[in-house]
Amino acid sequence: MATTTRPVGPFPRPRAVSHVPDATDVHGATDRLDGWRDLIREHFVALDVNAQRDTPFDGAVRSSLVGHLAVATVDSTDQECVRTPGLARHDPDDYLQVGLIARGHAVVRQDGREAPLGPGAWSVYETGRPFAWRFHGPWRMLVFTWPRDLLGISPDTSRAATARALGGDRLGGIVGRTLADVVAAPPELSPAAAERLATELGDLVGTVVGEALRRDEITGTRGAADLRARVEAFVAEHLEDPDLSPETIARAHFVSTRQLHRAFADASTTVSRLVRRRRLEHGRRELADPRLGGVSVTDVALRCGFGDLASFSRAFKETFHEPPSTFRRRHGA
């Protein structure tokens, strides 16, 4: 399989194919933010890259070519990479990409949507329009880059599919694992076979995208109800987590915070109110349980995810119209 000096991360710029003897990939690395920016600007499409200067930094890209499909592994640290409107407008090259998170967490934004992604999740985005990736902590992303005009996905379909979390269902998982296998062990193929494989992988991505959009159209309200049910179960299992919030709940379910709130738009509560109510109900059950009479009210508050006794007591009284200590005495616990 031929190798290429064209890097591909979230930021590919195709360059001439370079036949490197006894090599299967091209690798670049740096431990300096300035060096990383130079590496990005030298090899990839133009992006604004921002990271904290007072924290340790490193970045590495390993890329190879399967037919017209560029595949890459990108490793780095906390940062944001932005394709601004001006940068996109002045770049004639146009690609469709898949970013698959192998380690860490990220959020991708494009076309008015954003998708939080965790390990195993993937998303589609295009370089011809503005987009942004926000990476949290150390991360690894597998990136697949097709020239836009070589894919059988219509512009309208891909525009509707960008910045959506994929890979969470059975079909998306199968395709995600197939893509990851190509990066882990790029096959040795004839040029014709490599071109066919690149096309077929693009068709698989198109199939996942089409099914995801079809489900959105068909399920609509049913999908929102299903998400609400899964969120309620998740909240019940994580009440003790003081960091439980709409943001962490959305990330755990591979949806954006906006999508999460939209799913609760037709419900009688909000996500924050659901968390608060379930914590208080849990606390009330513990205060009424005679077996827990030796557990202090402060400990009950902490076990319910409240940061301190004062906030628990205030919320408890607002909801149940009496302080938690009075409720406990009244129930003989």
C-alpha atoms as a PDB file:
ATOM      1  CA  MET A   1       0.000   0.000   0.000  1.00  0.00           C
ATOM      2  CA  ALA A   2       1.382   3.404  -0.929  1.00  0.00           C
ATOM      3  CA  THR A   3       2.040   5.915   1.799  1.00  0.00           C
ATOM      4  CA  THR A   4       1.481   9.640   1.656  1.00  0.00           C
ATOM      5  CA  THR A   5       2.811  12.814   3.155  1.00  0.00           C
ATOM      6  CA  ARG A   6      -0.744  14.096   3.275  1.00  0.00           C
ATOM      7  CA  PRO A   7      -1.736  14.140   6.948  1.00  0.00           C
ATOM      8  CA  VAL A   8      -5.363  13.745   7.779  1.00  0.00           C
ATOM      9  CA  GLY A   9      -6.481  14.394  11.385  1.00  0.00           C
ATOM     10  CA  PRO A  10      -9.361  16.771  11.654  1.00  0.00           C
ATOM     11  CA  PHE A  11      -7.354  18.826   9.201  1.00  0.00           C
ATOM     12  CA  PRO A  12      -6.284  17.109   5.966  1.00  0.00           C
ATOM     13  CA  ARG A  13      -4.494  18.766   3.087  1.00  0.00           C
ATOM     14  CA  PRO A  14      -3.799  16.323   0.242  1.00  0.00           C
ATOM     15  CA  ARG A  15      -0.326  16.367  -1.113  1.00  0.00           C
ATOM     16  CA  ALA A  16       1.572  14.264  -3.597  1.00  0.00           C
ATOM     17  CA  VAL A  17       1.833  10.581  -2.799  1.00  0.00           C
ATOM     18  CA  SER A  18       5.307   9.678  -1.628  1.00  0.00           C
ATOM     19  CA  HIS A  19       6.477   6.086  -2.038  1.00  0.00           C
ATOM     20  CA  VAL A  20       8.547   5.456   1.079  1.00  0.00           C
ATOM     21  CA  PRO A  21      10.520   2.188   0.999  1.00  0.00           C
ATOM     22  CA  ASP A  22       9.831  -0.224   3.878  1.00  0.00           C
ATOM     23  CA  ALA A  23       7.279   2.141   5.449  1.00  0.00           C
ATOM     24  CA  THR A  24       3.551   1.837   5.928  1.00  0.00           C
ATOM     25  CA  ASP A  25       2.792   5.314   7.247  1.00  0.00           C
ATOM     26  CA  VAL A  26       3.957   8.873   7.697  1.00  0.00           C
ATOM     27  CA  HIS A  27       4.479  10.151  11.230  1.00  0.00           C
ATOM     28  CA  GLY A  28       4.916  13.612  12.731  1.00  0.00           C
ATOM     29  CA  ALA A  29       5.128  14.591  16.400  1.00  0.00           C
ATOM     30  CA  THR A  30       5.937  17.561  18.635  1.00  0.00           C
ATOM     31  CA  ASP A  31       5.861  18.487  22.316  1.00  0.00           C
ATOM     32  CA  ARG A  32       5.398  22.218  21.677  1.00  0.00           C
ATOM     33  CA  LEU A  33       2.151  24.003  20.971  1.00  0.00           C
ATOM     34  CA  ASP A  34       3.881  26.268  18.482  1.00  0.00           C
ATOM     35  CA  GLY A  35       5.384  23.214  16.808  1.00  0.00           C
ATOM     36  CA  TRP A  36       1.954  21.573  16.680  1.00  0.00           C
ATOM     37  CA  ARG A  37       0.482  24.660  15.050  1.00  0.00           C
ATOM     38  CA  ASP A  38       3.291  24.651  12.506  1.00  0.00           C
ATOM     39  CA  LEU A  39       2.723  20.954  11.844  1.00  0.00           C
ATOM     40  CA  ILE A  40      -0.991  21.538  11.351  1.00  0.00           C
ATOM     41  CA  ARG A  41      -0.480  24.509   9.043  1.00  0.00           C
ATOM     42  CA  GLU A  42       2.240  22.779   7.023  1.00  0.00           C
ATOM     43  CA  HIS A  43       0.380  19.520   6.411  1.00  0.00           C
ATOM     44  CA  PHE A  44      -3.361  20.053   7.026  1.00  0.00           C
ATOM     45  CA  VAL A  45      -6.156  22.366   5.986  1.00  0.00           C
ATOM     46  CA  ALA A  46      -6.061  25.753   7.641  1.00  0.00           C
ATOM     47  CA  LEU A  47      -7.373  25.757  11.215  1.00  0.00           C
ATOM     48  CA  ASP A  48      -7.174  27.964  14.241  1.00  0.00           C
ATOM     49  CA  VAL A  49      -5.716  25.793  17.031  1.00  0.00           C
ATOM     50  CA  ASN A  50      -6.007  26.945  20.634  1.00  0.00           C
ATOM     51  CA  ALA A  51      -4.666  25.286  23.790  1.00  0.00           C
ATOM     52  CA  GLN A  52      -3.551  26.319  27.270  1.00  0.00           C
ATOM     53  CA  ARG A  53       0.062  27.463  27.155  1.00  0.00           C
ATOM     54  CA  ASP A  54       0.682  26.749  30.849  1.00  0.00           C
ATOM     55  CA  THR A  55      -0.034  22.990  30.606  1.00  0.00           C
ATOM     56  CA  PRO A  56       2.115  20.183  29.143  1.00  0.00           C
ATOM     57  CA  PHE A  57       1.477  19.639  25.451  1.00  0.00           C
ATOM     58  CA  ASP A  58       2.205  16.952  22.891  1.00  0.00           C
ATOM     59  CA  GLY A  59       0.751  15.940  19.559  1.00  0.00           C
ATOM     60  CA  ALA A  60       1.346  13.234  16.970  1.00  0.00           C
ATOM     61  CA  VAL A  61      -0.153  12.223  13.631  1.00  0.00           C
ATOM     62  CA  ARG A  62       0.301   8.908  11.837  1.00  0.00           C
ATOM     63  CA  SER A  63      -1.330   8.637   8.408  1.00  0.00           C
ATOM     64  CA  SER A  64      -1.531   6.306   5.436  1.00  0.00           C
ATOM     65  CA  LEU A  65      -3.500   5.878   2.232  1.00  0.00           C
ATOM     66  CA  VAL A  66      -5.991   3.231   1.094  1.00  0.00           C
ATOM     67  CA  GLY A  67      -6.856   4.102  -2.477  1.00  0.00           C
ATOM     68  CA  HIS A  68      -8.355   7.589  -2.396  1.00  0.00           C
ATOM     69  CA  LEU A  69      -9.156   7.237   1.327  1.00  0.00           C
ATOM     70  CA  ALA A  70      -6.678   8.778   3.773  1.00  0.00           C
ATOM     71  CA  VAL A  71      -6.676   7.199   7.242  1.00  0.00           C
ATOM     72  CA  ALA A  72      -4.951   8.602  10.306  1.00  0.00           C
ATOM     73  CA  THR A  73      -4.425   8.333  14.026  1.00  0.00           C
ATOM     74  CA  VAL A  74      -4.173  11.677  15.801  1.00  0.00           C
ATOM     75  CA  ASP A  75      -3.047  11.926  19.439  1.00  0.00           C
ATOM     76  CA  SER A  76      -2.835  15.114  21.463  1.00  0.00           C
ATOM     77  CA  THR A  77      -3.977  17.011  24.558  1.00  0.00           C
ATOM     78  CA  ASP A  78      -6.731  19.463  25.536  1.00  0.00           C
ATOM     79  CA  GLN A  79      -7.387  21.933  22.692  1.00  0.00           C
ATOM     80  CA  GLU A  80      -9.867  23.417  20.247  1.00  0.00           C
ATOM     81  CA  CYS A  81      -9.482  23.284  16.474  1.00  0.00           C
ATOM     82  CA  VAL A  82     -11.667  25.668  14.453  1.00  0.00           C
ATOM     83  CA  ARG A  83     -12.287  25.907  10.732  1.00  0.00           C
ATOM     84  CA  THR A  84     -13.517  29.479  10.474  1.00  0.00           C
ATOM     85  CA  PRO A  85     -15.754  30.714   7.609  1.00  0.00           C
ATOM     86  CA  GLY A  86     -12.863  32.680   6.164  1.00  0.00           C
ATOM     87  CA  LEU A  87     -10.492  29.698   6.234  1.00  0.00           C
ATOM     88  CA  ALA A  88     -13.077  27.434   4.601  1.00  0.00           C
ATOM     89  CA  ARG A  89     -13.932  30.026   1.950  1.00  0.00           C
ATOM     90  CA  HIS A  90     -10.328  30.472   0.824  1.00  0.00           C
ATOM     91  CA  ASP A  91      -9.507  26.755   0.568  1.00  0.00           C
ATOM     92  CA  PRO A  92     -10.511  25.109  -2.751  1.00  0.00           C
ATOM     93  CA  ASP A  93     -10.171  21.552  -1.393  1.00  0.00           C
ATOM     94  CA  ASP A  94     -13.346  19.873  -0.148  1.00  0.00           C
ATOM     95  CA  TYR A  95     -13.456  16.638   1.869  1.00  0.00           C
ATOM     96  CA  LEU A  96     -15.897  14.583   3.850  1.00  0.00           C
ATOM     97  CA  GLN A  97     -14.405  13.176   7.029  1.00  0.00           C
ATOM     98  CA  VAL A  98     -15.284  10.749   9.771  1.00  0.00           C
ATOM     99  CA  GLY A  99     -13.771  11.327  13.209  1.00  0.00           C
ATOM    100  CA  LEU A 100     -13.905   8.264  15.482  1.00  0.00           C
ATOM    101  CA  ILE A 101     -12.918   8.753  19.119  1.00  0.00           C
ATOM    102  CA  ALA A 102     -10.572   5.999  20.288  1.00  0.00           C
ATOM    103  CA  ARG A 103      -9.657   7.611  23.633  1.00  0.00           C
ATOM    104  CA  GLY A 104     -10.910  10.599  25.586  1.00  0.00           C
ATOM    105  CA  HIS A 105     -13.872  12.853  24.824  1.00  0.00           C
ATOM    106  CA  ALA A 106     -14.618  15.535  22.258  1.00  0.00           C
ATOM    107  CA  VAL A 107     -17.385  17.726  20.913  1.00  0.00           C
ATOM    108  CA  VAL A 108     -17.763  18.396  17.187  1.00  0.00           C
ATOM    109  CA  ARG A 109     -19.795  21.333  15.861  1.00  0.00           C
ATOM    110  CA  GLN A 110     -21.034  22.002  12.344  1.00  0.00           C
ATOM    111  CA  ASP A 111     -24.176  23.211  10.549  1.00  0.00           C
ATOM    112  CA  GLY A 112     -25.831  24.409  13.748  1.00  0.00           C
ATOM    113  CA  ARG A 113     -25.437  21.103  15.572  1.00  0.00           C
ATOM    114  CA  GLU A 114     -22.989  19.757  18.118  1.00  0.00           C
ATOM    115  CA  ALA A 115     -22.284  16.186  19.141  1.00  0.00           C
ATOM    116  CA  PRO A 116     -20.440  15.060  22.274  1.00  0.00           C
ATOM    117  CA  LEU A 117     -18.430  11.937  21.484  1.00  0.00           C
ATOM    118  CA  GLY A 118     -16.838   9.339  23.739  1.00  0.00           C
ATOM    119  CA  PRO A 119     -14.766   6.246  22.942  1.00  0.00           C
ATOM    120  CA  GLY A 120     -16.271   4.264  20.068  1.00  0.00           C
ATOM    121  CA  ALA A 121     -18.538   7.093  18.897  1.00  0.00           C
ATOM    122  CA  TRP A 122     -17.986   8.776  15.541  1.00  0.00           C
ATOM    123  CA  SER A 123     -19.285  11.677  13.516  1.00  0.00           C
ATOM    124  CA  VAL A 124     -19.285  13.017   9.970  1.00  0.00           C
ATOM    125  CA  TYR A 125     -18.118  16.529   9.070  1.00  0.00           C
ATOM    126  CA  GLU A 126     -17.044  18.393   5.932  1.00  0.00           C
ATOM    127  CA  THR A 127     -14.076  20.686   5.385  1.00  0.00           C
ATOM    128  CA  GLY A 128     -15.838  22.894   2.831  1.00  0.00           C
ATOM    129  CA  ARG A 129     -17.828  24.592   5.602  1.00  0.00           C
ATOM    130  CA  PRO A 130     -16.894  25.897   9.068  1.00  0.00           C
ATOM    131  CA  PHE A 131     -16.563  23.296  11.806  1.00  0.00           C
ATOM    132  CA  ALA A 132     -14.910  22.966  15.195  1.00  0.00           C
ATOM    133  CA  TRP A 133     -13.553  20.191  17.410  1.00  0.00           C
ATOM    134  CA  ARG A 134     -13.177  20.660  21.162  1.00  0.00           C
ATOM    135  CA  PHE A 135     -11.014  17.957  22.737  1.00  0.00           C
ATOM    136  CA  HIS A 136     -11.025  17.350  26.496  1.00  0.00           C
ATOM    137  CA  GLY A 137      -7.821  16.092  28.095  1.00  0.00           C
ATOM    138  CA  PRO A 138      -5.587  13.512  26.381  1.00  0.00           C
ATOM    139  CA  TRP A 139      -7.313  12.040  23.351  1.00  0.00           C
ATOM    140  CA  ARG A 140      -6.893   9.860  20.306  1.00  0.00           C
ATOM    141  CA  MET A 141      -9.026  10.188  17.198  1.00  0.00           C
ATOM    142  CA  LEU A 142      -9.097   8.024  14.090  1.00  0.00           C
ATOM    143  CA  VAL A 143      -9.837  10.129  11.042  1.00  0.00           C
ATOM    144  CA  PHE A 144     -10.984   9.014   7.594  1.00  0.00           C
ATOM    145  CA  THR A 145     -10.894  11.460   4.701  1.00  0.00           C
ATOM    146  CA  TRP A 146     -12.585  11.084   1.331  1.00  0.00           C
ATOM    147  CA  PRO A 147     -12.479  13.669  -1.492  1.00  0.00           C
ATOM    148  CA  ARG A 148     -16.043  14.990  -1.368  1.00  0.00           C
ATOM    149  CA  ASP A 149     -16.725  14.454  -5.067  1.00  0.00           C
ATOM    150  CA  LEU A 150     -15.837  10.738  -4.849  1.00  0.00           C
ATOM    151  CA  LEU A 151     -18.587   9.905  -2.333  1.00  0.00           C
ATOM    152  CA  GLY A 152     -22.105   8.807  -3.222  1.00  0.00           C
ATOM    153  CA  ILE A 153     -23.677  10.916  -0.461  1.00  0.00           C
ATOM    154  CA  SER A 154     -25.715  13.860  -1.674  1.00  0.00           C
ATOM    155  CA  PRO A 155     -24.813  17.332  -0.367  1.00  0.00           C
ATOM    156  CA  ASP A 156     -28.239  17.669   1.268  1.00  0.00           C
ATOM    157  CA  THR A 157     -27.835  14.339   3.058  1.00  0.00           C
ATOM    158  CA  SER A 158     -24.341  15.046   4.336  1.00  0.00           C
ATOM    159  CA  ARG A 159     -25.341  18.538   5.470  1.00  0.00           C
ATOM    160  CA  ALA A 160     -28.183  16.980   7.497  1.00  0.00           C
ATOM    161  CA  ALA A 161     -25.837  14.321   8.894  1.00  0.00           C
ATOM    162  CA  THR A 162     -22.856  16.364  10.080  1.00  0.00           C
ATOM    163  CA  ALA A 163     -22.098  16.746  13.803  1.00  0.00           C
ATOM    164  CA  ARG A 164     -24.328  13.853  14.859  1.00  0.00           C
ATOM    165  CA  ALA A 165     -23.157  11.154  17.268  1.00  0.00           C
ATOM    166  CA  LEU A 166     -23.034   7.841  15.385  1.00  0.00           C
ATOM    167  CA  GLY A 167     -21.830   4.396  16.376  1.00  0.00           C
ATOM    168  CA  GLY A 168     -24.208   3.887  19.291  1.00  0.00           C
ATOM    169  CA  ASP A 169     -26.463   1.390  17.506  1.00  0.00           C
ATOM    170  CA  ARG A 170     -25.591  -2.027  16.127  1.00  0.00           C
ATOM    171  CA  LEU A 171     -25.046  -0.923  12.517  1.00  0.00           C
ATOM    172  CA  GLY A 172     -23.007   2.123  13.502  1.00  0.00           C
ATOM    173  CA  GLY A 173     -20.934  -0.025  15.854  1.00  0.00           C
ATOM    174  CA  ILE A 174     -20.173  -2.565  13.128  1.00  0.00           C
ATOM    175  CA  VAL A 175     -19.085   0.140  10.693  1.00  0.00           C
ATOM    176  CA  GLY A 176     -17.079   1.941  13.372  1.00  0.00           C
ATOM    177  CA  ARG A 177     -15.174  -1.227  14.243  1.00  0.00           C
ATOM    178  CA  THR A 178     -14.545  -1.910  10.549  1.00  0.00           C
ATOM    179  CA  LEU A 179     -13.085   1.561  10.091  1.00  0.00           C
ATOM    180  CA  ALA A 180     -10.934   1.155  13.206  1.00  0.00           C
ATOM    181  CA  ASP A 181      -9.601  -2.174  11.897  1.00  0.00           C
ATOM    182  CA  VAL A 182      -8.448  -0.458   8.704  1.00  0.00           C
ATOM    183  CA  VAL A 183      -6.370   1.964  10.795  1.00  0.00           C
ATOM    184  CA  ALA A 184      -5.016  -0.721  13.114  1.00  0.00           C
ATOM    185  CA  ALA A 185      -3.882  -2.986  10.261  1.00  0.00           C
ATOM    186  CA  PRO A 186      -4.051  -1.306   6.832  1.00  0.00           C
ATOM    187  CA  PRO A 187      -4.373  -4.127   4.291  1.00  0.00           C
ATOM    188  CA  GLU A 188      -1.799  -4.729   1.586  1.00  0.00           C
ATOM    189  CA  LEU A 189      -3.841  -4.301  -1.598  1.00  0.00           C
ATOM    190  CA  SER A 190      -3.401  -3.797  -5.298  1.00  0.00           C
ATOM    191  CA  PRO A 191      -4.198  -0.240  -6.435  1.00  0.00           C
ATOM    192  CA  ALA A 192      -7.513  -1.352  -7.925  1.00  0.00           C
ATOM    193  CA  ALA A 193      -8.534  -3.231  -4.766  1.00  0.00           C
ATOM    194  CA  ALA A 194      -7.547  -0.276  -2.578  1.00  0.00           C
ATOM    195  CA  GLU A 195      -9.774   2.020  -4.650  1.00  0.00           C
ATOM    196  CA  ARG A 196     -12.690  -0.408  -4.336  1.00  0.00           C
ATOM    197  CA  LEU A 197     -12.208  -0.696  -0.568  1.00  0.00           C
ATOM    198  CA  ALA A 198     -12.113   3.095  -0.181  1.00  0.00           C
ATOM    199  CA  THR A 199     -15.371   3.373  -2.124  1.00  0.00           C
ATOM    200  CA  GLU A 200     -17.050   0.556  -0.186  1.00  0.00           C
ATOM    201  CA  LEU A 201     -16.074   2.062   3.164  1.00  0.00           C
ATOM    202  CA  GLY A 202     -17.560   5.350   2.017  1.00  0.00           C
ATOM    203  CA  ASP A 203     -20.758   3.517   1.039  1.00  0.00           C
ATOM    204  CA  LEU A 204     -20.936   1.942   4.519  1.00  0.00           C
ATOM    205  CA  VAL A 205     -20.664   5.386   6.112  1.00  0.00           C
ATOM    206  CA  GLY A 206     -23.433   6.565   3.774  1.00  0.00           C
ATOM    207  CA  THR A 207     -25.632   3.657   4.852  1.00  0.00           C
ATOM    208  CA  VAL A 208     -25.220   4.499   8.549  1.00  0.00           C
ATOM    209  CA  VAL A 209     -25.949   8.163   7.838  1.00  0.00           C
ATOM    210  CA  GLY A 210     -29.064   7.331   5.822  1.00  0.00           C
ATOM    211  CA  GLU A 211     -30.433   5.010   8.492  1.00  0.00           C
ATOM    212  CA  ALA A 212     -29.771   7.547  11.245  1.00  0.00           C
ATOM    213  CA  LEU A 213     -31.643  10.263   9.359  1.00  0.00           C
ATOM    214  CA  ARG A 214     -34.505   7.871   8.540  1.00  0.00           C
ATOM    215  CA  ARG A 215     -34.863   6.928  12.199  1.00  0.00           C
ATOM    216  CA  ASP A 216     -34.961  10.588  13.136  1.00  0.00           C
ATOM    217  CA  GLU A 217     -37.817  11.162  10.708  1.00  0.00           C
ATOM    218  CA  ILE A 218     -39.788   8.067  11.754  1.00  0.00           C
ATOM    219  CA  THR A 219     -39.288   8.029  15.486  1.00  0.00           C
ATOM    220  CA  GLY A 220     -39.334  11.760  16.346  1.00  0.00           C
ATOM    221  CA  THR A 221     -41.412  11.826  19.513  1.00  0.00           C
ATOM    222  CA  ARG A 222     -40.823   8.151  20.237  1.00  0.00           C
ATOM    223  CA  GLY A 223     -37.082   8.736  20.155  1.00  0.00           C
ATOM    224  CA  ALA A 224     -37.417  11.602  22.626  1.00  0.00           C
ATOM    225  CA  ALA A 225     -39.495   9.405  24.947  1.00  0.00           C
ATOM    226  CA  ASP A 226     -36.895   6.651  24.747  1.00  0.00           C
ATOM    227  CA  LEU A 227     -34.107   9.108  25.589  1.00  0.00           C
ATOM    228  CA  ARG A 228     -36.086  10.440  28.545  1.00  0.00           C
ATOM    229  CA  ALA A 229     -36.559   6.887  29.862  1.00  0.00           C
ATOM    230  CA  ARG A 230     -32.840   6.150  29.542  1.00  0.00           C
ATOM    231  CA  VAL A 231     -31.951   9.435  31.236  1.00  0.00           C
ATOM    232  CA  GLU A 232     -34.289   8.714  34.146  1.00  0.00           C
ATOM    233  CA  ALA A 233     -32.641   5.318  34.674  1.00  0.00           C
ATOM    234  CA  PHE A 234     -29.185   6.888  34.423  1.00  0.00           C
ATOM    235  CA  VAL A 235     -30.070   9.576  36.960  1.00  0.00           C
ATOM    236  CA  ALA A 236     -31.378   6.958  39.401  1.00  0.00           C
ATOM    237  CA  GLU A 237     -28.064   5.083  39.169  1.00  0.00           C
ATOM    238  CA  HIS A 238     -25.863   8.179  39.637  1.00  0.00           C
ATOM    239  CA  LEU A 239     -27.642  10.225  42.288  1.00  0.00           C
ATOM    240  CA  GLU A 240     -24.580  10.224  44.555  1.00  0.00           C
ATOM    241  CA  ASP A 241     -22.404  11.817  41.877  1.00  0.00           C
ATOM    242  CA  PRO A 242     -22.094  15.522  42.778  1.00  0.00           C
ATOM    243  CA  ASP A 243     -21.127  16.253  39.152  1.00  0.00           C
ATOM    244  CA  LEU A 244     -24.393  14.877  37.763  1.00  0.00           C
ATOM    245  CA  SER A 245     -25.681  17.612  35.455  1.00  0.00           C
ATOM    246  CA  PRO A 246     -27.292  18.087  32.038  1.00  0.00           C
ATOM    247  CA  GLU A 247     -23.800  18.297  30.525  1.00  0.00           C
ATOM    248  CA  THR A 248     -22.543  15.006  32.000  1.00  0.00           C
ATOM    249  CA  ILE A 249     -25.860  13.270  31.277  1.00  0.00           C
ATOM    250  CA  ALA A 250     -25.775  14.415  27.641  1.00  0.00           C
ATOM    251  CA  ARG A 251     -22.169  13.250  27.261  1.00  0.00           C
ATOM    252  CA  ALA A 252     -23.019   9.815  28.684  1.00  0.00           C
ATOM    253  CA  HIS A 253     -25.799   9.404  26.107  1.00  0.00           C
ATOM    254  CA  PHE A 254     -23.813  10.728  23.108  1.00  0.00           C
ATOM    255  CA  VAL A 255     -26.169  13.653  22.518  1.00  0.00           C
ATOM    256  CA  SER A 256     -25.636  17.388  22.797  1.00  0.00           C
ATOM    257  CA  THR A 257     -26.969  19.330  25.756  1.00  0.00           C
ATOM    258  CA  ARG A 258     -29.354  21.052  23.347  1.00  0.00           C
ATOM    259  CA  GLN A 259     -30.690  17.686  22.116  1.00  0.00           C
ATOM    260  CA  LEU A 260     -31.122  16.531  25.705  1.00  0.00           C
ATOM    261  CA  HIS A 261     -33.155  19.592  26.658  1.00  0.00           C
ATOM    262  CA  ARG A 262     -35.197  19.247  23.460  1.00  0.00           C
ATOM    263  CA  ALA A 263     -36.131  15.673  24.438  1.00  0.00           C
ATOM    264  CA  PHE A 264     -37.608  17.041  27.679  1.00  0.00           C
ATOM    265  CA  ALA A 265     -39.446  19.919  25.972  1.00  0.00           C
ATOM    266  CA  ASP A 266     -42.744  17.983  25.938  1.00  0.00           C
ATOM    267  CA  ALA A 267     -42.287  16.566  29.424  1.00  0.00           C
ATOM    268  CA  SER A 268     -43.578  18.049  32.663  1.00  0.00           C
ATOM    269  CA  THR A 269     -40.067  18.701  33.960  1.00  0.00           C
ATOM    270  CA  THR A 270     -36.566  19.713  32.906  1.00  0.00           C
ATOM    271  CA  VAL A 271     -33.378  17.696  33.245  1.00  0.00           C
ATOM    272  CA  SER A 272     -32.155  19.769  36.188  1.00  0.00           C
ATOM    273  CA  ARG A 273     -35.496  19.515  37.955  1.00  0.00           C
ATOM    274  CA  LEU A 274     -35.541  15.764  37.355  1.00  0.00           C
ATOM    275  CA  VAL A 275     -32.125  15.372  38.995  1.00  0.00           C
ATOM    276  CA  ARG A 276     -33.119  17.585  41.937  1.00  0.00           C
ATOM    277  CA  ARG A 277     -36.442  15.824  42.462  1.00  0.00           C
ATOM    278  CA  ARG A 278     -34.937  12.319  42.305  1.00  0.00           C
ATOM    279  CA  ARG A 279     -32.224  13.294  44.783  1.00  0.00           C
ATOM    280  CA  LEU A 280     -34.782  14.678  47.205  1.00  0.00           C
ATOM    281  CA  GLU A 281     -37.042  11.656  46.874  1.00  0.00           C
ATOM    282  CA  HIS A 282     -34.069   9.398  47.535  1.00  0.00           C
ATOM    283  CA  GLY A 283     -33.159  11.449  50.580  1.00  0.00           C
ATOM    284  CA  ARG A 284     -36.712  11.297  51.885  1.00  0.00           C
ATOM    285  CA  ARG A 285     -36.717   7.502  51.579  1.00  0.00           C
ATOM    286  CA  GLU A 286     -33.457   7.257  53.505  1.00  0.00           C
ATOM    287  CA  LEU A 287     -34.691   9.606  56.244  1.00  0.00           C
ATOM    288  CA  ALA A 288     -37.827   7.484  56.680  1.00  0.00           C
ATOM    289  CA  ASP A 289     -35.898   4.190  56.819  1.00  0.00           C
ATOM    290  CA  PRO A 290     -35.499   3.072  60.474  1.00  0.00           C
ATOM    291  CA  ARG A 291     -32.484   0.981  59.481  1.00  0.00           C
ATOM    292  CA  LEU A 292     -30.642   4.221  58.647  1.00  0.00           C
ATOM    293  CA  GLY A 293     -31.437   6.009  61.887  1.00  0.00           C
ATOM    294  CA  GLY A 294     -27.745   6.138  62.785  1.00  0.00           C
ATOM    295  CA  VAL A 295     -26.842   7.931  59.539  1.00  0.00           C
ATOM    296  CA  SER A 296     -26.653  11.685  60.037  1.00  0.00           C
ATOM    297  CA  VAL A 297     -28.747  14.067  57.940  1.00  0.00           C
ATOM    298  CA  THR A 298     -25.489  15.473  56.565  1.00  0.00           C
ATOM    299  CA  ASP A 299     -24.429  12.028  55.362  1.00  0.00           C
ATOM    300  CA  VAL A 300     -27.870  11.495  53.805  1.00  0.00           C
ATOM    301  CA  ALA A 301     -27.453  14.796  51.951  1.00  0.00           C
ATOM    302  CA  LEU A 302     -24.039  13.762  50.627  1.00  0.00           C
ATOM    303  CA  ARG A 303     -25.336  10.326  49.607  1.00  0.00           C
ATOM    304  CA  CYS A 304     -27.971  12.093  47.527  1.00  0.00           C
ATOM    305  CA  GLY A 305     -25.436  14.195  45.653  1.00  0.00           C
ATOM    306  CA  PHE A 306     -25.876  17.464  47.551  1.00  0.00           C
ATOM    307  CA  GLY A 307     -22.690  19.336  48.330  1.00  0.00           C
ATOM    308  CA  ASP A 308     -23.638  20.260  51.887  1.00  0.00           C
ATOM    309  CA  LEU A 309     -26.383  20.025  54.512  1.00  0.00           C
ATOM    310  CA  ALA A 310     -27.585  23.595  54.031  1.00  0.00           C
ATOM    311  CA  SER A 311     -28.453  23.201  50.346  1.00  0.00           C
ATOM    312  CA  PHE A 312     -30.128  19.835  51.022  1.00  0.00           C
ATOM    313  CA  SER A 313     -32.188  21.224  53.916  1.00  0.00           C
ATOM    314  CA  ARG A 314     -33.278  24.258  51.918  1.00  0.00           C
ATOM    315  CA  ALA A 315     -34.312  22.177  48.894  1.00  0.00           C
ATOM    316  CA  PHE A 316     -36.011  19.568  51.084  1.00  0.00           C
ATOM    317  CA  LYS A 317     -38.089  22.184  52.892  1.00  0.00           C
ATOM    318  CA  GLU A 318     -39.070  23.921  49.643  1.00  0.00           C
ATOM    319  CA  THR A 319     -40.284  20.633  48.188  1.00  0.00           C
ATOM    320  CA  PHE A 320     -41.776  18.791  51.170  1.00  0.00           C
ATOM    321  CA  HIS A 321     -42.666  21.818  53.353  1.00  0.00           C
ATOM    322  CA  GLU A 322     -40.672  20.762  56.425  1.00  0.00           C
ATOM    323  CA  PRO A 323     -36.979  20.428  57.345  1.00  0.00           C
ATOM    324  CA  PRO A 324     -35.401  16.986  56.883  1.00  0.00           C
ATOM    325  CA  SER A 325     -34.746  16.612  60.607  1.00  0.00           C
ATOM    326  CA  THR A 326     -38.431  17.234  61.372  1.00  0.00           C
ATOM    327  CA  PHE A 327     -39.460  14.731  58.721  1.00  0.00           C
ATOM    328  CA  ARG A 328     -37.146  12.110  60.225  1.00  0.00           C
ATOM    329  CA  ARG A 329     -38.510  12.634  63.781  1.00  0.00           C
ATOM    330  CA  ARG A 330     -42.074  12.493  62.521  1.00  0.00           C
ATOM    331  CA  HIS A 331     -41.441   9.128  60.876  1.00  0.00           C
ATOM    332  CA  GLY A 332     -39.670   7.719  63.904  1.00  0.00           C
ATOM    333  CA  ALA A 333     -36.485   6.903  62.034  1.00  0.00           C
END
